[in-house]
Amino acid sequence: MVHGTLEVLLVGAKGLENTDYLCNMDPYAVLKCRSQEQRSSIASGKGSNPEWNESFVFTVSDQAAELVIKLMDSDSGTADDFVGEATIPLEALYTEGSIPPTVYNVVKGEHYCGEIKVGLTFIPEDVRTRGLPEDFGGWKQSH
């Protein structure tokens, strides 16, 4: 089993279905990988085409099969609206190491409601060096 770090670059979204009828929506993303959950900032007033350019880090093993990104619309005074979600499979990432920013469909049920752009990087943790000092088993450089 491979353990490591999953770095997610949340670039932005396009063509989202506007859930606010009177004004531009204030979208944010909730990223979930197995039991870990993180939240982006709110793209206030950005409407259907928000940009975040935010990075998130998850500790994962190759048993984490997917990353789910839920898009929400922040509403003051009422419950936030569910805009849609994208499910991103991670199998290819474990073999490739990184996937450049790629567009994924955002769906609500079976209904297409926009797209999200996400970049992924997987950095495997080297089990052999975990917890060992930097110069273990090697020569120290003399001055």
C-alpha atoms as a PDB file:
ATOM      1  CA  MET A   1       0.000   0.000   0.000  1.00  0.00           C
ATOM      2  CA  VAL A   2       1.359   3.400  -1.003  1.00  0.00           C
ATOM      3  CA  HIS A   3       1.008   6.347   1.389  1.00  0.00           C
ATOM      4  CA  GLY A   4       1.684   9.926   0.501  1.00  0.00           C
ATOM      5  CA  THR A   5       0.442  13.435  -0.005  1.00  0.00           C
ATOM      6  CA  LEU A   6      -2.264  14.472  -2.429  1.00  0.00           C
ATOM      7  CA  GLU A   7      -1.950  18.096  -3.502  1.00  0.00           C
ATOM      8  CA  VAL A   8      -5.031  19.574  -5.130  1.00  0.00           C
ATOM      9  CA  LEU A   9      -4.908  22.852  -7.060  1.00  0.00           C
ATOM     10  CA  LEU A  10      -8.440  24.205  -7.307  1.00  0.00           C
ATOM     11  CA  VAL A  11      -8.190  26.580 -10.280  1.00  0.00           C
ATOM     12  CA  GLY A  12     -11.790  27.602 -10.945  1.00  0.00           C
ATOM     13  CA  ALA A  13     -15.123  26.702 -12.488  1.00  0.00           C
ATOM     14  CA  LYS A  14     -17.054  27.726 -15.596  1.00  0.00           C
ATOM     15  CA  GLY A  15     -20.661  27.689 -16.680  1.00  0.00           C
ATOM     16  CA  LEU A  16     -22.068  26.820 -13.270  1.00  0.00           C
ATOM     17  CA  GLU A  17     -25.812  26.935 -12.929  1.00  0.00           C
ATOM     18  CA  ASN A  18     -26.606  30.110 -10.990  1.00  0.00           C
ATOM     19  CA  THR A  19     -28.645  29.235  -7.915  1.00  0.00           C
ATOM     20  CA  ASP A  20     -29.205  32.891  -6.983  1.00  0.00           C
ATOM     21  CA  TYR A  21     -31.911  34.340  -9.190  1.00  0.00           C
ATOM     22  CA  LEU A  22     -31.583  37.950  -8.037  1.00  0.00           C
ATOM     23  CA  CYS A  23     -27.816  38.362  -7.946  1.00  0.00           C
ATOM     24  CA  ASN A  24     -24.537  36.578  -8.642  1.00  0.00           C
ATOM     25  CA  MET A  25     -23.924  33.562  -6.478  1.00  0.00           C
ATOM     26  CA  ASP A  26     -20.989  33.317  -4.061  1.00  0.00           C
ATOM     27  CA  PRO A  27     -19.553  29.863  -4.779  1.00  0.00           C
ATOM     28  CA  TYR A  28     -17.140  27.842  -2.679  1.00  0.00           C
ATOM     29  CA  ALA A  29     -15.899  24.272  -2.881  1.00  0.00           C
ATOM     30  CA  VAL A  30     -15.847  21.470  -0.324  1.00  0.00           C
ATOM     31  CA  LEU A  31     -13.122  18.935  -1.159  1.00  0.00           C
ATOM     32  CA  LYS A  32     -13.468  15.460   0.304  1.00  0.00           C
ATOM     33  CA  CYS A  33     -11.052  12.543   0.144  1.00  0.00           C
ATOM     34  CA  ARG A  34     -12.215   9.593   2.231  1.00  0.00           C
ATOM     35  CA  SER A  35     -12.738  11.028   5.752  1.00  0.00           C
ATOM     36  CA  GLN A  36     -10.785  14.264   5.193  1.00  0.00           C
ATOM     37  CA  GLU A  37     -12.674  17.396   4.226  1.00  0.00           C
ATOM     38  CA  GLN A  38     -11.429  20.897   3.375  1.00  0.00           C
ATOM     39  CA  ARG A  39     -13.176  24.044   2.213  1.00  0.00           C
ATOM     40  CA  SER A  40     -12.107  26.768  -0.203  1.00  0.00           C
ATOM     41  CA  SER A  41     -12.645  30.460   0.300  1.00  0.00           C
ATOM     42  CA  ILE A  42     -15.882  32.002  -0.945  1.00  0.00           C
ATOM     43  CA  ALA A  43     -15.605  33.581  -4.400  1.00  0.00           C
ATOM     44  CA  SER A  44     -17.889  36.490  -3.466  1.00  0.00           C
ATOM     45  CA  GLY A  45     -20.025  37.754  -6.320  1.00  0.00           C
ATOM     46  CA  LYS A  46     -18.123  35.699  -8.915  1.00  0.00           C
ATOM     47  CA  GLY A  47     -21.298  33.990 -10.087  1.00  0.00           C
ATOM     48  CA  SER A  48     -21.073  31.135 -12.591  1.00  0.00           C
ATOM     49  CA  ASN A  49     -17.333  31.493 -13.346  1.00  0.00           C
ATOM     50  CA  PRO A  50     -15.435  31.619 -10.033  1.00  0.00           C
ATOM     51  CA  GLU A  51     -11.655  31.463  -9.749  1.00  0.00           C
ATOM     52  CA  TRP A  52      -9.922  30.288  -6.590  1.00  0.00           C
ATOM     53  CA  ASN A  53      -6.337  29.245  -7.445  1.00  0.00           C
ATOM     54  CA  GLU A  54      -6.072  27.623  -4.019  1.00  0.00           C
ATOM     55  CA  SER A  55      -4.087  24.559  -3.001  1.00  0.00           C
ATOM     56  CA  PHE A  56      -5.170  21.849  -0.590  1.00  0.00           C
ATOM     57  CA  VAL A  57      -3.143  18.982   0.873  1.00  0.00           C
ATOM     58  CA  PHE A  58      -4.525  15.596   1.909  1.00  0.00           C
ATOM     59  CA  THR A  59      -2.688  12.638   3.437  1.00  0.00           C
ATOM     60  CA  VAL A  60      -3.743   9.608   1.399  1.00  0.00           C
ATOM     61  CA  SER A  61      -3.025   5.981   0.575  1.00  0.00           C
ATOM     62  CA  ASP A  62      -3.644   4.400  -2.800  1.00  0.00           C
ATOM     63  CA  GLN A  63      -6.847   2.998  -1.316  1.00  0.00           C
ATOM     64  CA  ALA A  64      -8.354   6.481  -1.676  1.00  0.00           C
ATOM     65  CA  ALA A  65     -10.043   5.900  -5.029  1.00  0.00           C
ATOM     66  CA  GLU A  66     -11.547   9.335  -5.662  1.00  0.00           C
ATOM     67  CA  LEU A  67     -11.684  12.989  -4.749  1.00  0.00           C
ATOM     68  CA  VAL A  68     -15.147  14.541  -4.531  1.00  0.00           C
ATOM     69  CA  ILE A  69     -15.516  18.301  -4.944  1.00  0.00           C
ATOM     70  CA  LYS A  70     -18.895  19.709  -3.964  1.00  0.00           C
ATOM     71  CA  LEU A  71     -19.700  23.204  -5.151  1.00  0.00           C
ATOM     72  CA  MET A  72     -21.892  25.281  -2.884  1.00  0.00           C
ATOM     73  CA  ASP A  73     -23.364  28.771  -3.028  1.00  0.00           C
ATOM     74  CA  SER A  74     -22.905  30.729   0.189  1.00  0.00           C
ATOM     75  CA  ASP A  75     -26.150  32.398   1.240  1.00  0.00           C
ATOM     76  CA  SER A  76     -26.395  34.701   4.230  1.00  0.00           C
ATOM     77  CA  GLY A  77     -29.453  34.101   6.344  1.00  0.00           C
ATOM     78  CA  THR A  78     -30.459  30.835   4.649  1.00  0.00           C
ATOM     79  CA  ALA A  79     -28.873  27.439   4.123  1.00  0.00           C
ATOM     80  CA  ASP A  80     -26.165  27.326   1.445  1.00  0.00           C
ATOM     81  CA  ASP A  81     -27.333  25.964  -1.920  1.00  0.00           C
ATOM     82  CA  PHE A  82     -25.866  22.814  -3.458  1.00  0.00           C
ATOM     83  CA  VAL A  83     -24.668  23.725  -6.975  1.00  0.00           C
ATOM     84  CA  GLY A  84     -23.255  20.363  -8.081  1.00  0.00           C
ATOM     85  CA  GLU A  85     -20.282  18.069  -7.637  1.00  0.00           C
ATOM     86  CA  ALA A  86     -17.390  16.541  -9.526  1.00  0.00           C
ATOM     87  CA  THR A  87     -15.969  13.113  -8.743  1.00  0.00           C
ATOM     88  CA  ILE A  88     -12.350  12.730  -9.801  1.00  0.00           C
ATOM     89  CA  PRO A  89     -10.861   9.206  -9.976  1.00  0.00           C
ATOM     90  CA  LEU A  90      -7.350   8.978  -8.498  1.00  0.00           C
ATOM     91  CA  GLU A  91      -6.048   5.652  -9.909  1.00  0.00           C
ATOM     92  CA  ALA A  92      -4.165   7.292 -12.814  1.00  0.00           C
ATOM     93  CA  LEU A  93      -2.619   9.820 -10.429  1.00  0.00           C
ATOM     94  CA  TYR A  94      -0.855   7.103  -8.406  1.00  0.00           C
ATOM     95  CA  THR A  95       0.952   5.855 -11.521  1.00  0.00           C
ATOM     96  CA  GLU A  96       1.481   9.219 -13.289  1.00  0.00           C
ATOM     97  CA  GLY A  97       2.461  11.240 -10.195  1.00  0.00           C
ATOM     98  CA  SER A  98       0.700  14.371 -11.404  1.00  0.00           C
ATOM     99  CA  ILE A  99      -2.156  15.461 -13.622  1.00  0.00           C
ATOM    100  CA  PRO A 100      -1.994  19.046 -14.955  1.00  0.00           C
ATOM    101  CA  PRO A 101      -5.049  21.279 -14.460  1.00  0.00           C
ATOM    102  CA  THR A 102      -7.851  19.383 -16.172  1.00  0.00           C
ATOM    103  CA  VAL A 103     -11.531  20.172 -16.683  1.00  0.00           C
ATOM    104  CA  TYR A 104     -14.070  17.861 -15.018  1.00  0.00           C
ATOM    105  CA  ASN A 105     -17.860  17.924 -15.386  1.00  0.00           C
ATOM    106  CA  VAL A 106     -19.939  19.207 -12.487  1.00  0.00           C
ATOM    107  CA  VAL A 107     -23.200  17.299 -12.139  1.00  0.00           C
ATOM    108  CA  LYS A 108     -26.269  17.457  -9.951  1.00  0.00           C
ATOM    109  CA  GLY A 109     -27.845  14.036 -10.059  1.00  0.00           C
ATOM    110  CA  GLU A 110     -27.542  13.092 -13.740  1.00  0.00           C
ATOM    111  CA  HIS A 111     -27.786  16.732 -14.859  1.00  0.00           C
ATOM    112  CA  TYR A 112     -24.681  18.522 -16.241  1.00  0.00           C
ATOM    113  CA  CYS A 113     -24.343  21.945 -14.623  1.00  0.00           C
ATOM    114  CA  GLY A 114     -20.892  23.293 -15.454  1.00  0.00           C
ATOM    115  CA  GLU A 115     -17.248  22.348 -15.189  1.00  0.00           C
ATOM    116  CA  ILE A 116     -14.409  22.681 -12.729  1.00  0.00           C
ATOM    117  CA  LYS A 117     -10.665  22.898 -13.385  1.00  0.00           C
ATOM    118  CA  VAL A 118      -8.396  20.993 -10.996  1.00  0.00           C
ATOM    119  CA  GLY A 119      -4.705  20.023 -10.978  1.00  0.00           C
ATOM    120  CA  LEU A 120      -3.491  17.021  -8.960  1.00  0.00           C
ATOM    121  CA  THR A 121      -0.103  15.901  -7.644  1.00  0.00           C
ATOM    122  CA  PHE A 122       0.688  12.759  -5.645  1.00  0.00           C
ATOM    123  CA  ILE A 123       3.926  12.644  -3.659  1.00  0.00           C
ATOM    124  CA  PRO A 124       4.610   9.160  -2.302  1.00  0.00           C
ATOM    125  CA  GLU A 125       6.082   8.983   1.165  1.00  0.00           C
ATOM    126  CA  ASP A 126       9.330   7.041   1.192  1.00  0.00           C
ATOM    127  CA  VAL A 127       8.770   4.505   3.965  1.00  0.00           C
ATOM    128  CA  ARG A 128      12.506   3.762   4.195  1.00  0.00           C
ATOM    129  CA  THR A 129      13.382   7.289   5.274  1.00  0.00           C
ATOM    130  CA  ARG A 130      10.424   7.940   7.564  1.00  0.00           C
ATOM    131  CA  GLY A 131      11.704   9.128  10.927  1.00  0.00           C
ATOM    132  CA  LEU A 132      15.403   8.686  10.137  1.00  0.00           C
ATOM    133  CA  PRO A 133      17.947  11.511  10.368  1.00  0.00           C
ATOM    134  CA  GLU A 134      19.116  13.166   7.135  1.00  0.00           C
ATOM    135  CA  ASP A 135      22.648  11.745   7.320  1.00  0.00           C
ATOM    136  CA  PHE A 136      21.662   8.203   8.291  1.00  0.00           C
ATOM    137  CA  GLY A 137      23.710   5.615   6.401  1.00  0.00           C
ATOM    138  CA  GLY A 138      25.671   8.206   4.491  1.00  0.00           C
ATOM    139  CA  TRP A 139      28.763  10.322   4.784  1.00  0.00           C
ATOM    140  CA  LYS A 140      28.595  13.685   6.423  1.00  0.00           C
ATOM    141  CA  GLN A 141      30.136  16.341   4.259  1.00  0.00           C
ATOM    142  CA  SER A 142      33.291  17.764   5.822  1.00  0.00           C
ATOM    143  CA  HIS A 143      34.053  21.470   5.623  1.00  0.00           C
END
